[in-house]
Amino acid sequence: GESDMDLRGCRVLSEHYYMWSDSGFRSKLKTFLGSKSLSGRVSAVDEKQYPDFFKLATVEGTLYKLPDFVLDTASLLQVLAGKQREHIFRLASESYSFERDDKNQVSAIAIADGKKEFSIEAQRFIFSAGKGNKQLINDAGLENAKSQLRPLNMVYVKGKNLPKVFVHCIGDSFSLTPKLTITSHEDVDGTTVWYLGGELAESGVAKDRESQIKAARSLLHNLFPWMDFEETEFNCFTIDRAEANINNNYRPEDAFCIEESNVFVAWPTKLTLTPNLADKIIERLSVSNLTPTPTANHRGLSDVLEAAEIATSRWD
């Protein structure tokens, strides 16, 4: 509430994220924790200070605390969109086209769906549509901006007795992709949901639903043998993580923005880097010496365009 973005209405699910490592790999942790992304950010947790879930552990391991907090994504979207509702609309992919000026720069979006025709002009356009960036790039005729998709097979587990857990579980390979990542949520009925990512989601792309759920059950049993998952419900779904293709399908580590033909094409890479992406875009706009111009008839857009709605979670 002290800067341009007032996020006081956003729910914080956890003040810390944790990292759990099997005791058999302690000798390798020193090198791993010294990596660029973790150096100086991790501290071991004294067993007396373990969260309740790890106090019940029946296997030896080491718990580390990361200086990362966890936000409720749905409430974050509600807060971010709250003051901009009258400016957020949805367009069918077949109802728009891009126009270029005499300098071959993208200058407007033409809207035509058979009932209405109009155009929206702007000094700069920003594409930040995740998976949809690829189509926008193609529709605008951009040549340098490239998008890539990384498929994931995400598992979620529902259970009334599941504790709230926020943890990366490190495997013996010590890849910067954890063996398993767990975030905890609630469905519309208040039931706890574990959302499972990490290497499980990446390696499970080639698996069918039954095989992926079997793999998730086995992994959870091996990592947390003190937990009983008999009264839980497992399910999974595939999604595509959208990123910038900056080096032959190499996975980017930072937020990325490229400017071409009056268009910024942007990818945050992951949610935690969204503020960094905004800073990059603002810096580029500042360098361009753009001066905001008065808007005309923007309130009338609500009469001709549909409002965009916030999507619901897959487990609701």
C-alpha atoms as a PDB file:
ATOM      1  CA  GLY A   1       0.000   0.000   0.000  1.00  0.00           C
ATOM      2  CA  GLU A   2       3.008   2.338  -0.078  1.00  0.00           C
ATOM      3  CA  SER A   3       3.777   2.343  -3.812  1.00  0.00           C
ATOM      4  CA  ASP A   4       1.933   2.703  -7.115  1.00  0.00           C
ATOM      5  CA  MET A   5       0.419  -0.769  -6.756  1.00  0.00           C
ATOM      6  CA  ASP A   6      -1.750  -1.066  -3.653  1.00  0.00           C
ATOM      7  CA  LEU A   7      -1.864  -4.793  -2.846  1.00  0.00           C
ATOM      8  CA  ARG A   8      -3.234  -4.558   0.687  1.00  0.00           C
ATOM      9  CA  GLY A   9      -6.286  -6.564  -0.332  1.00  0.00           C
ATOM     10  CA  CYS A  10      -4.228  -9.521  -1.527  1.00  0.00           C
ATOM     11  CA  ARG A  11      -4.193 -12.629   0.676  1.00  0.00           C
ATOM     12  CA  VAL A  12      -0.808 -13.925   1.812  1.00  0.00           C
ATOM     13  CA  LEU A  13      -0.952 -17.713   2.106  1.00  0.00           C
ATOM     14  CA  SER A  14       2.440 -18.124   3.751  1.00  0.00           C
ATOM     15  CA  GLU A  15       5.131 -15.746   4.945  1.00  0.00           C
ATOM     16  CA  HIS A  16       7.858 -18.218   3.920  1.00  0.00           C
ATOM     17  CA  TYR A  17       8.602 -20.921   1.411  1.00  0.00           C
ATOM     18  CA  TYR A  18      10.581 -23.936   2.570  1.00  0.00           C
ATOM     19  CA  MET A  19      13.013 -26.402   1.029  1.00  0.00           C
ATOM     20  CA  TRP A  20      13.233 -30.003   2.226  1.00  0.00           C
ATOM     21  CA  SER A  21      16.247 -32.217   1.572  1.00  0.00           C
ATOM     22  CA  ASP A  22      16.749 -35.866   2.383  1.00  0.00           C
ATOM     23  CA  SER A  23      19.478 -36.314   4.994  1.00  0.00           C
ATOM     24  CA  GLY A  24      21.449 -38.565   2.648  1.00  0.00           C
ATOM     25  CA  PHE A  25      22.330 -35.614   0.428  1.00  0.00           C
ATOM     26  CA  ARG A  26      23.663 -33.160   3.000  1.00  0.00           C
ATOM     27  CA  SER A  27      27.223 -33.431   1.713  1.00  0.00           C
ATOM     28  CA  LYS A  28      26.103 -32.083  -1.671  1.00  0.00           C
ATOM     29  CA  LEU A  29      24.043 -29.219  -0.335  1.00  0.00           C
ATOM     30  CA  LYS A  30      26.917 -26.777   0.178  1.00  0.00           C
ATOM     31  CA  THR A  31      27.620 -26.525  -3.547  1.00  0.00           C
ATOM     32  CA  PHE A  32      23.934 -26.497  -4.442  1.00  0.00           C
ATOM     33  CA  LEU A  33      23.041 -23.739  -1.995  1.00  0.00           C
ATOM     34  CA  GLY A  34      25.925 -21.654  -3.313  1.00  0.00           C
ATOM     35  CA  SER A  35      24.321 -21.471  -6.757  1.00  0.00           C
ATOM     36  CA  LYS A  36      23.502 -18.078  -8.213  1.00  0.00           C
ATOM     37  CA  SER A  37      19.771 -18.348  -7.580  1.00  0.00           C
ATOM     38  CA  LEU A  38      20.027 -19.491  -3.945  1.00  0.00           C
ATOM     39  CA  SER A  39      23.231 -17.955  -2.593  1.00  0.00           C
ATOM     40  CA  GLY A  40      22.597 -15.882   0.509  1.00  0.00           C
ATOM     41  CA  ARG A  41      18.871 -16.580   0.430  1.00  0.00           C
ATOM     42  CA  VAL A  42      18.604 -19.817   2.384  1.00  0.00           C
ATOM     43  CA  SER A  43      18.820 -20.480   6.105  1.00  0.00           C
ATOM     44  CA  ALA A  44      18.520 -23.810   7.916  1.00  0.00           C
ATOM     45  CA  VAL A  45      15.544 -24.152  10.257  1.00  0.00           C
ATOM     46  CA  ASP A  46      16.121 -25.432  13.774  1.00  0.00           C
ATOM     47  CA  GLU A  47      14.018 -28.540  14.404  1.00  0.00           C
ATOM     48  CA  LYS A  48      12.310 -26.785  17.291  1.00  0.00           C
ATOM     49  CA  GLN A  49      11.061 -24.184  14.810  1.00  0.00           C
ATOM     50  CA  TYR A  50       9.778 -26.660  12.204  1.00  0.00           C
ATOM     51  CA  PRO A  51       6.228 -26.073  10.935  1.00  0.00           C
ATOM     52  CA  ASP A  52       3.802 -28.642  12.348  1.00  0.00           C
ATOM     53  CA  PHE A  53       3.854 -30.783   9.209  1.00  0.00           C
ATOM     54  CA  PHE A  54       7.624 -31.392   9.385  1.00  0.00           C
ATOM     55  CA  LYS A  55       7.581 -31.918  13.164  1.00  0.00           C
ATOM     56  CA  LEU A  56       5.760 -35.168  12.370  1.00  0.00           C
ATOM     57  CA  ALA A  57       8.476 -36.389   9.980  1.00  0.00           C
ATOM     58  CA  THR A  58       9.456 -40.046  10.413  1.00  0.00           C
ATOM     59  CA  VAL A  59      12.528 -39.754   8.172  1.00  0.00           C
ATOM     60  CA  GLU A  60      15.626 -37.650   8.618  1.00  0.00           C
ATOM     61  CA  GLY A  61      15.963 -34.560   6.570  1.00  0.00           C
ATOM     62  CA  THR A  62      16.944 -30.915   6.659  1.00  0.00           C
ATOM     63  CA  LEU A  63      14.508 -28.050   6.317  1.00  0.00           C
ATOM     64  CA  TYR A  64      15.570 -24.688   4.908  1.00  0.00           C
ATOM     65  CA  LYS A  65      13.675 -21.420   4.815  1.00  0.00           C
ATOM     66  CA  LEU A  66      13.576 -19.189   1.752  1.00  0.00           C
ATOM     67  CA  PRO A  67      12.809 -15.463   2.021  1.00  0.00           C
ATOM     68  CA  ASP A  68       9.852 -15.866  -0.347  1.00  0.00           C
ATOM     69  CA  PHE A  69       6.228 -15.378   0.599  1.00  0.00           C
ATOM     70  CA  VAL A  70       3.249 -17.004  -1.105  1.00  0.00           C
ATOM     71  CA  LEU A  71       0.328 -15.006  -2.474  1.00  0.00           C
ATOM     72  CA  ASP A  72      -3.169 -16.216  -3.248  1.00  0.00           C
ATOM     73  CA  THR A  73      -3.204 -15.856  -7.035  1.00  0.00           C
ATOM     74  CA  ALA A  74      -6.962 -15.368  -7.322  1.00  0.00           C
ATOM     75  CA  SER A  75      -6.993 -12.506  -4.805  1.00  0.00           C
ATOM     76  CA  LEU A  76      -3.918 -10.970  -6.443  1.00  0.00           C
ATOM     77  CA  LEU A  77      -5.709 -10.873  -9.797  1.00  0.00           C
ATOM     78  CA  GLN A  78      -8.806  -9.413  -8.160  1.00  0.00           C
ATOM     79  CA  VAL A  79      -6.765  -6.636  -6.531  1.00  0.00           C
ATOM     80  CA  LEU A  80      -4.762  -5.844  -9.672  1.00  0.00           C
ATOM     81  CA  ALA A  81      -7.873  -5.722 -11.838  1.00  0.00           C
ATOM     82  CA  GLY A  82     -10.025  -3.953  -9.266  1.00  0.00           C
ATOM     83  CA  LYS A  83      -9.243  -0.367 -10.237  1.00  0.00           C
ATOM     84  CA  GLN A  84      -8.991  -1.132 -13.953  1.00  0.00           C
ATOM     85  CA  ARG A  85     -12.220  -3.032 -14.571  1.00  0.00           C
ATOM     86  CA  GLU A  86     -13.561  -0.459 -17.017  1.00  0.00           C
ATOM     87  CA  HIS A  87     -10.426  -0.840 -19.149  1.00  0.00           C
ATOM     88  CA  ILE A  88     -10.195  -4.658 -19.319  1.00  0.00           C
ATOM     89  CA  PHE A  89     -12.002  -6.356 -22.203  1.00  0.00           C
ATOM     90  CA  ARG A  90     -11.913  -9.579 -24.153  1.00  0.00           C
ATOM     91  CA  LEU A  91     -11.706  -9.983 -27.931  1.00  0.00           C
ATOM     92  CA  ALA A  92     -12.374 -13.020 -30.071  1.00  0.00           C
ATOM     93  CA  SER A  93      -9.266 -13.931 -32.059  1.00  0.00           C
ATOM     94  CA  GLU A  94     -11.099 -13.607 -35.356  1.00  0.00           C
ATOM     95  CA  SER A  95     -12.506 -10.133 -34.627  1.00  0.00           C
ATOM     96  CA  TYR A  96      -9.360  -7.997 -34.736  1.00  0.00           C
ATOM     97  CA  SER A  97      -6.474  -7.100 -37.009  1.00  0.00           C
ATOM     98  CA  PHE A  98      -3.471  -4.819 -36.699  1.00  0.00           C
ATOM     99  CA  GLU A  99      -2.946  -1.707 -38.802  1.00  0.00           C
ATOM    100  CA  ARG A 100       0.398  -0.162 -39.740  1.00  0.00           C
ATOM    101  CA  ASP A 101       1.280   3.440 -40.536  1.00  0.00           C
ATOM    102  CA  ASP A 102       3.379   4.827 -43.396  1.00  0.00           C
ATOM    103  CA  LYS A 103       6.543   3.935 -41.416  1.00  0.00           C
ATOM    104  CA  ASN A 104       5.394   0.316 -41.199  1.00  0.00           C
ATOM    105  CA  GLN A 105       4.865   0.602 -37.455  1.00  0.00           C
ATOM    106  CA  VAL A 106       1.882  -0.997 -35.738  1.00  0.00           C
ATOM    107  CA  SER A 107      -0.431   1.958 -35.118  1.00  0.00           C
ATOM    108  CA  ALA A 108      -3.885   0.595 -34.356  1.00  0.00           C
ATOM    109  CA  ILE A 109      -6.050  -2.433 -33.680  1.00  0.00           C
ATOM    110  CA  ALA A 110      -9.056  -2.663 -35.968  1.00  0.00           C
ATOM    111  CA  ILE A 111     -12.116  -4.367 -34.461  1.00  0.00           C
ATOM    112  CA  ALA A 112     -14.780  -5.874 -36.712  1.00  0.00           C
ATOM    113  CA  ASP A 113     -17.165  -8.667 -35.769  1.00  0.00           C
ATOM    114  CA  GLY A 114     -20.034  -8.075 -38.204  1.00  0.00           C
ATOM    115  CA  LYS A 115     -21.995  -5.841 -35.818  1.00  0.00           C
ATOM    116  CA  LYS A 116     -19.492  -3.123 -35.055  1.00  0.00           C
ATOM    117  CA  GLU A 117     -16.341  -1.691 -36.593  1.00  0.00           C
ATOM    118  CA  PHE A 118     -13.872   0.663 -34.921  1.00  0.00           C
ATOM    119  CA  SER A 119     -10.151   0.999 -34.222  1.00  0.00           C
ATOM    120  CA  ILE A 120      -8.029   1.612 -31.149  1.00  0.00           C
ATOM    121  CA  GLU A 121      -4.934   3.743 -31.689  1.00  0.00           C
ATOM    122  CA  ALA A 122      -1.960   3.908 -29.326  1.00  0.00           C
ATOM    123  CA  GLN A 123       1.622   5.135 -29.230  1.00  0.00           C
ATOM    124  CA  ARG A 124       2.777   1.701 -28.033  1.00  0.00           C
ATOM    125  CA  PHE A 125       1.162  -1.707 -27.732  1.00  0.00           C
ATOM    126  CA  ILE A 126       2.103  -4.296 -25.122  1.00  0.00           C
ATOM    127  CA  PHE A 127       1.582  -8.002 -25.708  1.00  0.00           C
ATOM    128  CA  SER A 128       1.630  -9.871 -22.421  1.00  0.00           C
ATOM    129  CA  ALA A 129      -0.791 -12.688 -23.075  1.00  0.00           C
ATOM    130  CA  GLY A 130       1.274 -15.684 -22.028  1.00  0.00           C
ATOM    131  CA  LYS A 131       0.466 -18.540 -24.391  1.00  0.00           C
ATOM    132  CA  GLY A 132      -1.523 -16.085 -26.515  1.00  0.00           C
ATOM    133  CA  ASN A 133       1.599 -14.073 -27.338  1.00  0.00           C
ATOM    134  CA  LYS A 134       2.421 -16.443 -30.177  1.00  0.00           C
ATOM    135  CA  GLN A 135      -0.785 -15.650 -32.037  1.00  0.00           C
ATOM    136  CA  LEU A 136      -0.474 -11.931 -31.362  1.00  0.00           C
ATOM    137  CA  ILE A 137       3.085 -11.970 -32.719  1.00  0.00           C
ATOM    138  CA  ASN A 138       1.882 -13.713 -35.875  1.00  0.00           C
ATOM    139  CA  ASP A 139      -1.171 -11.481 -36.294  1.00  0.00           C
ATOM    140  CA  ALA A 140       0.944  -8.331 -35.939  1.00  0.00           C
ATOM    141  CA  GLY A 141       3.523  -9.642 -38.405  1.00  0.00           C
ATOM    142  CA  LEU A 142       6.434  -9.352 -35.989  1.00  0.00           C
ATOM    143  CA  GLU A 143       9.664 -11.076 -36.999  1.00  0.00           C
ATOM    144  CA  ASN A 144      12.077 -10.841 -34.070  1.00  0.00           C
ATOM    145  CA  ALA A 145       9.890 -11.736 -31.097  1.00  0.00           C
ATOM    146  CA  LYS A 146       9.755 -15.495 -30.573  1.00  0.00           C
ATOM    147  CA  SER A 147       7.653 -17.489 -28.131  1.00  0.00           C
ATOM    148  CA  GLN A 148       8.065 -21.003 -26.786  1.00  0.00           C
ATOM    149  CA  LEU A 149       5.840 -23.319 -24.777  1.00  0.00           C
ATOM    150  CA  ARG A 150       6.975 -25.718 -22.064  1.00  0.00           C
ATOM    151  CA  PRO A 151       4.331 -28.371 -21.412  1.00  0.00           C
ATOM    152  CA  LEU A 152       3.587 -29.503 -17.866  1.00  0.00           C
ATOM    153  CA  ASN A 153       1.354 -32.199 -16.408  1.00  0.00           C
ATOM    154  CA  MET A 154       0.159 -30.731 -13.117  1.00  0.00           C
ATOM    155  CA  VAL A 155      -1.266 -32.883 -10.332  1.00  0.00           C
ATOM    156  CA  TYR A 156      -3.487 -31.648  -7.542  1.00  0.00           C
ATOM    157  CA  VAL A 157      -4.575 -33.452  -4.400  1.00  0.00           C
ATOM    158  CA  LYS A 158      -7.718 -32.617  -2.412  1.00  0.00           C
ATOM    159  CA  GLY A 159      -8.235 -33.605   1.199  1.00  0.00           C
ATOM    160  CA  LYS A 160     -10.032 -32.126   4.207  1.00  0.00           C
ATOM    161  CA  ASN A 161      -7.218 -33.231   6.498  1.00  0.00           C
ATOM    162  CA  LEU A 162      -4.317 -32.076   4.341  1.00  0.00           C
ATOM    163  CA  PRO A 163      -2.099 -29.563   6.166  1.00  0.00           C
ATOM    164  CA  LYS A 164      -1.062 -26.317   4.492  1.00  0.00           C
ATOM    165  CA  VAL A 165       2.397 -26.953   3.004  1.00  0.00           C
ATOM    166  CA  PHE A 166       4.634 -24.695   0.902  1.00  0.00           C
ATOM    167  CA  VAL A 167       7.853 -26.498   0.042  1.00  0.00           C
ATOM    168  CA  HIS A 168      10.401 -27.420  -2.625  1.00  0.00           C
ATOM    169  CA  CYS A 169      11.690 -30.986  -2.252  1.00  0.00           C
ATOM    170  CA  ILE A 170      15.248 -31.350  -3.521  1.00  0.00           C
ATOM    171  CA  GLY A 171      16.268 -34.549  -5.287  1.00  0.00           C
ATOM    172  CA  ASP A 172      19.644 -36.249  -5.584  1.00  0.00           C
ATOM    173  CA  SER A 173      20.389 -34.563  -8.926  1.00  0.00           C
ATOM    174  CA  PHE A 174      20.333 -31.086  -7.284  1.00  0.00           C
ATOM    175  CA  SER A 175      18.845 -29.614 -10.421  1.00  0.00           C
ATOM    176  CA  LEU A 176      17.433 -26.116  -9.992  1.00  0.00           C
ATOM    177  CA  THR A 177      14.122 -27.779 -10.870  1.00  0.00           C
ATOM    178  CA  PRO A 178      12.995 -29.351  -7.584  1.00  0.00           C
ATOM    179  CA  LYS A 179      11.928 -32.981  -7.511  1.00  0.00           C
ATOM    180  CA  LEU A 180       8.589 -31.725  -6.238  1.00  0.00           C
ATOM    181  CA  THR A 181       7.075 -28.340  -5.409  1.00  0.00           C
ATOM    182  CA  ILE A 182       3.935 -28.079  -3.280  1.00  0.00           C
ATOM    183  CA  THR A 183       1.715 -25.055  -2.799  1.00  0.00           C
ATOM    184  CA  SER A 184      -1.489 -25.262  -0.760  1.00  0.00           C
ATOM    185  CA  HIS A 185      -4.811 -23.715  -1.701  1.00  0.00           C
ATOM    186  CA  GLU A 186      -8.513 -24.094  -0.936  1.00  0.00           C
ATOM    187  CA  ASP A 187     -11.325 -24.987  -3.301  1.00  0.00           C
ATOM    188  CA  VAL A 188     -14.753 -23.324  -3.256  1.00  0.00           C
ATOM    189  CA  ASP A 189     -15.851 -25.630  -0.413  1.00  0.00           C
ATOM    190  CA  GLY A 190     -12.849 -24.795   1.758  1.00  0.00           C
ATOM    191  CA  THR A 191     -11.125 -28.142   1.178  1.00  0.00           C
ATOM    192  CA  THR A 192      -7.325 -27.982   1.156  1.00  0.00           C
ATOM    193  CA  VAL A 193      -5.701 -28.567  -2.232  1.00  0.00           C
ATOM    194  CA  TRP A 194      -2.058 -29.458  -2.788  1.00  0.00           C
ATOM    195  CA  TYR A 195      -0.845 -28.246  -6.204  1.00  0.00           C
ATOM    196  CA  LEU A 196       2.158 -30.307  -7.318  1.00  0.00           C
ATOM    197  CA  GLY A 197       4.824 -28.965  -9.664  1.00  0.00           C
ATOM    198  CA  GLY A 198       8.550 -29.318 -10.231  1.00  0.00           C
ATOM    199  CA  GLU A 199      10.205 -32.270 -11.932  1.00  0.00           C
ATOM    200  CA  LEU A 200       7.049 -34.349 -11.428  1.00  0.00           C
ATOM    201  CA  ALA A 201       5.130 -32.004 -13.731  1.00  0.00           C
ATOM    202  CA  GLU A 202       7.884 -31.780 -16.337  1.00  0.00           C
ATOM    203  CA  SER A 203       8.646 -35.495 -16.581  1.00  0.00           C
ATOM    204  CA  GLY A 204       4.943 -36.370 -16.531  1.00  0.00           C
ATOM    205  CA  VAL A 205       4.118 -34.760 -19.860  1.00  0.00           C
ATOM    206  CA  ALA A 206       4.336 -38.077 -21.706  1.00  0.00           C
ATOM    207  CA  LYS A 207       2.241 -39.894 -19.097  1.00  0.00           C
ATOM    208  CA  ASP A 208      -1.505 -40.480 -19.250  1.00  0.00           C
ATOM    209  CA  ARG A 209      -3.717 -39.472 -16.340  1.00  0.00           C
ATOM    210  CA  GLU A 210      -3.533 -42.821 -14.537  1.00  0.00           C
ATOM    211  CA  SER A 211       0.262 -43.077 -14.846  1.00  0.00           C
ATOM    212  CA  GLN A 212       0.867 -39.502 -13.711  1.00  0.00           C
ATOM    213  CA  ILE A 213      -1.348 -39.881 -10.651  1.00  0.00           C
ATOM    214  CA  LYS A 214       0.376 -43.170  -9.811  1.00  0.00           C
ATOM    215  CA  ALA A 215       3.759 -41.405 -10.051  1.00  0.00           C
ATOM    216  CA  ALA A 216       2.533 -38.589  -7.810  1.00  0.00           C
ATOM    217  CA  ARG A 217       1.224 -40.997  -5.186  1.00  0.00           C
ATOM    218  CA  SER A 218       4.504 -42.893  -5.157  1.00  0.00           C
ATOM    219  CA  LEU A 219       6.580 -39.723  -4.870  1.00  0.00           C
ATOM    220  CA  LEU A 220       4.478 -38.333  -2.019  1.00  0.00           C
ATOM    221  CA  HIS A 221       4.697 -41.642  -0.152  1.00  0.00           C
ATOM    222  CA  ASN A 222       8.487 -41.718  -0.526  1.00  0.00           C
ATOM    223  CA  LEU A 223       8.957 -38.099   0.534  1.00  0.00           C
ATOM    224  CA  PHE A 224       6.384 -38.014   3.325  1.00  0.00           C
ATOM    225  CA  PRO A 225       5.896 -41.575   4.616  1.00  0.00           C
ATOM    226  CA  TRP A 226       4.228 -40.218   7.769  1.00  0.00           C
ATOM    227  CA  MET A 227       1.285 -38.913   5.721  1.00  0.00           C
ATOM    228  CA  ASP A 228      -1.885 -40.892   4.969  1.00  0.00           C
ATOM    229  CA  PHE A 229      -3.319 -40.118   1.542  1.00  0.00           C
ATOM    230  CA  GLU A 230      -6.123 -42.698   1.597  1.00  0.00           C
ATOM    231  CA  GLU A 231      -8.859 -40.100   2.074  1.00  0.00           C
ATOM    232  CA  THR A 232      -7.605 -37.784  -0.646  1.00  0.00           C
ATOM    233  CA  GLU A 233      -8.637 -37.175  -4.244  1.00  0.00           C
ATOM    234  CA  PHE A 234      -5.992 -37.007  -6.991  1.00  0.00           C
ATOM    235  CA  ASN A 235      -6.404 -35.415 -10.399  1.00  0.00           C
ATOM    236  CA  CYS A 236      -4.187 -33.869 -13.069  1.00  0.00           C
ATOM    237  CA  PHE A 237      -4.294 -31.672 -16.144  1.00  0.00           C
ATOM    238  CA  THR A 238      -1.851 -30.485 -18.787  1.00  0.00           C
ATOM    239  CA  ILE A 239      -0.911 -26.845 -19.295  1.00  0.00           C
ATOM    240  CA  ASP A 240       1.668 -24.933 -21.324  1.00  0.00           C
ATOM    241  CA  ARG A 241       4.065 -22.561 -19.652  1.00  0.00           C
ATOM    242  CA  ALA A 242       4.729 -19.677 -22.042  1.00  0.00           C
ATOM    243  CA  GLU A 243       8.178 -18.095 -22.228  1.00  0.00           C
ATOM    244  CA  ALA A 244      10.335 -16.045 -24.543  1.00  0.00           C
ATOM    245  CA  ASN A 245      12.437 -18.091 -26.943  1.00  0.00           C
ATOM    246  CA  ILE A 246      15.701 -16.194 -26.663  1.00  0.00           C
ATOM    247  CA  ASN A 247      18.271 -18.889 -27.329  1.00  0.00           C
ATOM    248  CA  ASN A 248      17.127 -22.008 -29.173  1.00  0.00           C
ATOM    249  CA  ASN A 249      14.477 -23.099 -26.662  1.00  0.00           C
ATOM    250  CA  TYR A 250      16.723 -22.408 -23.663  1.00  0.00           C
ATOM    251  CA  ARG A 251      14.679 -21.849 -20.505  1.00  0.00           C
ATOM    252  CA  PRO A 252      14.910 -18.142 -19.556  1.00  0.00           C
ATOM    253  CA  GLU A 253      15.660 -17.222 -15.955  1.00  0.00           C
ATOM    254  CA  ASP A 254      14.533 -13.587 -16.032  1.00  0.00           C
ATOM    255  CA  ALA A 255      11.559 -11.573 -17.177  1.00  0.00           C
ATOM    256  CA  PHE A 256      11.935 -10.672 -20.841  1.00  0.00           C
ATOM    257  CA  CYS A 257      10.696  -7.844 -23.043  1.00  0.00           C
ATOM    258  CA  ILE A 258      11.487  -7.118 -26.691  1.00  0.00           C
ATOM    259  CA  GLU A 259      10.450  -4.075 -28.719  1.00  0.00           C
ATOM    260  CA  GLU A 260       9.569  -4.280 -32.403  1.00  0.00           C
ATOM    261  CA  SER A 261       7.454  -2.132 -34.732  1.00  0.00           C
ATOM    262  CA  ASN A 262       5.890  -0.082 -31.938  1.00  0.00           C
ATOM    263  CA  VAL A 263       5.085  -3.197 -29.914  1.00  0.00           C
ATOM    264  CA  PHE A 264       6.504  -4.490 -26.651  1.00  0.00           C
ATOM    265  CA  VAL A 265       6.227  -8.267 -26.389  1.00  0.00           C
ATOM    266  CA  ALA A 266       6.627  -9.339 -22.794  1.00  0.00           C
ATOM    267  CA  TRP A 267       6.867 -12.499 -20.729  1.00  0.00           C
ATOM    268  CA  PRO A 268       7.273 -12.434 -16.925  1.00  0.00           C
ATOM    269  CA  THR A 269       8.637 -16.035 -17.120  1.00  0.00           C
ATOM    270  CA  LYS A 270       7.092 -16.675 -13.700  1.00  0.00           C
ATOM    271  CA  LEU A 271       4.719 -14.812 -11.420  1.00  0.00           C
ATOM    272  CA  THR A 272       7.353 -13.682  -8.934  1.00  0.00           C
ATOM    273  CA  LEU A 273       9.138 -11.773 -11.707  1.00  0.00           C
ATOM    274  CA  THR A 274       6.074  -9.794 -12.797  1.00  0.00           C
ATOM    275  CA  PRO A 275       7.166  -6.621 -10.916  1.00  0.00           C
ATOM    276  CA  ASN A 276      10.550  -6.897 -12.607  1.00  0.00           C
ATOM    277  CA  LEU A 277       8.845  -7.129 -15.995  1.00  0.00           C
ATOM    278  CA  ALA A 278       6.832  -4.006 -15.223  1.00  0.00           C
ATOM    279  CA  ASP A 279      10.040  -2.161 -14.323  1.00  0.00           C
ATOM    280  CA  LYS A 280      11.620  -3.215 -17.638  1.00  0.00           C
ATOM    281  CA  ILE A 281       8.625  -1.959 -19.615  1.00  0.00           C
ATOM    282  CA  ILE A 282       8.430   1.334 -17.712  1.00  0.00           C
ATOM    283  CA  GLU A 283      12.153   1.890 -18.302  1.00  0.00           C
ATOM    284  CA  ARG A 284      11.726   1.311 -22.036  1.00  0.00           C
ATOM    285  CA  LEU A 285       8.752   3.667 -22.161  1.00  0.00           C
ATOM    286  CA  SER A 286      10.773   6.320 -20.335  1.00  0.00           C
ATOM    287  CA  VAL A 287      13.625   6.027 -22.827  1.00  0.00           C
ATOM    288  CA  SER A 288      11.128   6.449 -25.668  1.00  0.00           C
ATOM    289  CA  ASN A 289      10.123   9.863 -24.287  1.00  0.00           C
ATOM    290  CA  LEU A 290       6.449   9.129 -24.761  1.00  0.00           C
ATOM    291  CA  THR A 291       3.948  11.627 -23.430  1.00  0.00           C
ATOM    292  CA  PRO A 292       0.556  10.255 -22.338  1.00  0.00           C
ATOM    293  CA  THR A 293      -2.248  11.608 -24.504  1.00  0.00           C
ATOM    294  CA  PRO A 294      -5.869  12.143 -23.434  1.00  0.00           C
ATOM    295  CA  THR A 295      -8.045   9.129 -24.123  1.00  0.00           C
ATOM    296  CA  ALA A 296     -11.136   9.538 -26.202  1.00  0.00           C
ATOM    297  CA  ASN A 297     -14.352   7.559 -25.840  1.00  0.00           C
ATOM    298  CA  HIS A 298     -12.681   4.860 -23.737  1.00  0.00           C
ATOM    299  CA  ARG A 299     -15.763   4.659 -21.548  1.00  0.00           C
ATOM    300  CA  GLY A 300     -17.785   3.790 -24.615  1.00  0.00           C
ATOM    301  CA  LEU A 301     -15.788   0.599 -25.089  1.00  0.00           C
ATOM    302  CA  SER A 302     -17.894  -1.116 -22.451  1.00  0.00           C
ATOM    303  CA  ASP A 303     -20.875  -0.662 -24.760  1.00  0.00           C
ATOM    304  CA  VAL A 304     -19.262  -2.589 -27.598  1.00  0.00           C
ATOM    305  CA  LEU A 305     -16.780  -4.988 -25.957  1.00  0.00           C
ATOM    306  CA  GLU A 306     -17.267  -7.799 -23.452  1.00  0.00           C
ATOM    307  CA  ALA A 307     -15.646  -7.514 -20.050  1.00  0.00           C
ATOM    308  CA  ALA A 308     -12.887 -10.022 -19.325  1.00  0.00           C
ATOM    309  CA  GLU A 309     -13.544 -12.330 -16.390  1.00  0.00           C
ATOM    310  CA  ILE A 310     -10.994 -13.838 -14.009  1.00  0.00           C
ATOM    311  CA  ALA A 311     -10.677 -17.559 -14.593  1.00  0.00           C
ATOM    312  CA  THR A 312     -11.472 -20.064 -11.868  1.00  0.00           C
ATOM    313  CA  SER A 313      -9.002 -22.641 -10.553  1.00  0.00           C
ATOM    314  CA  ARG A 314      -9.052 -26.066 -12.195  1.00  0.00           C
ATOM    315  CA  TRP A 315      -9.922 -27.712  -8.880  1.00  0.00           C
ATOM    316  CA  ASP A 316     -13.098 -25.638  -8.363  1.00  0.00           C
END
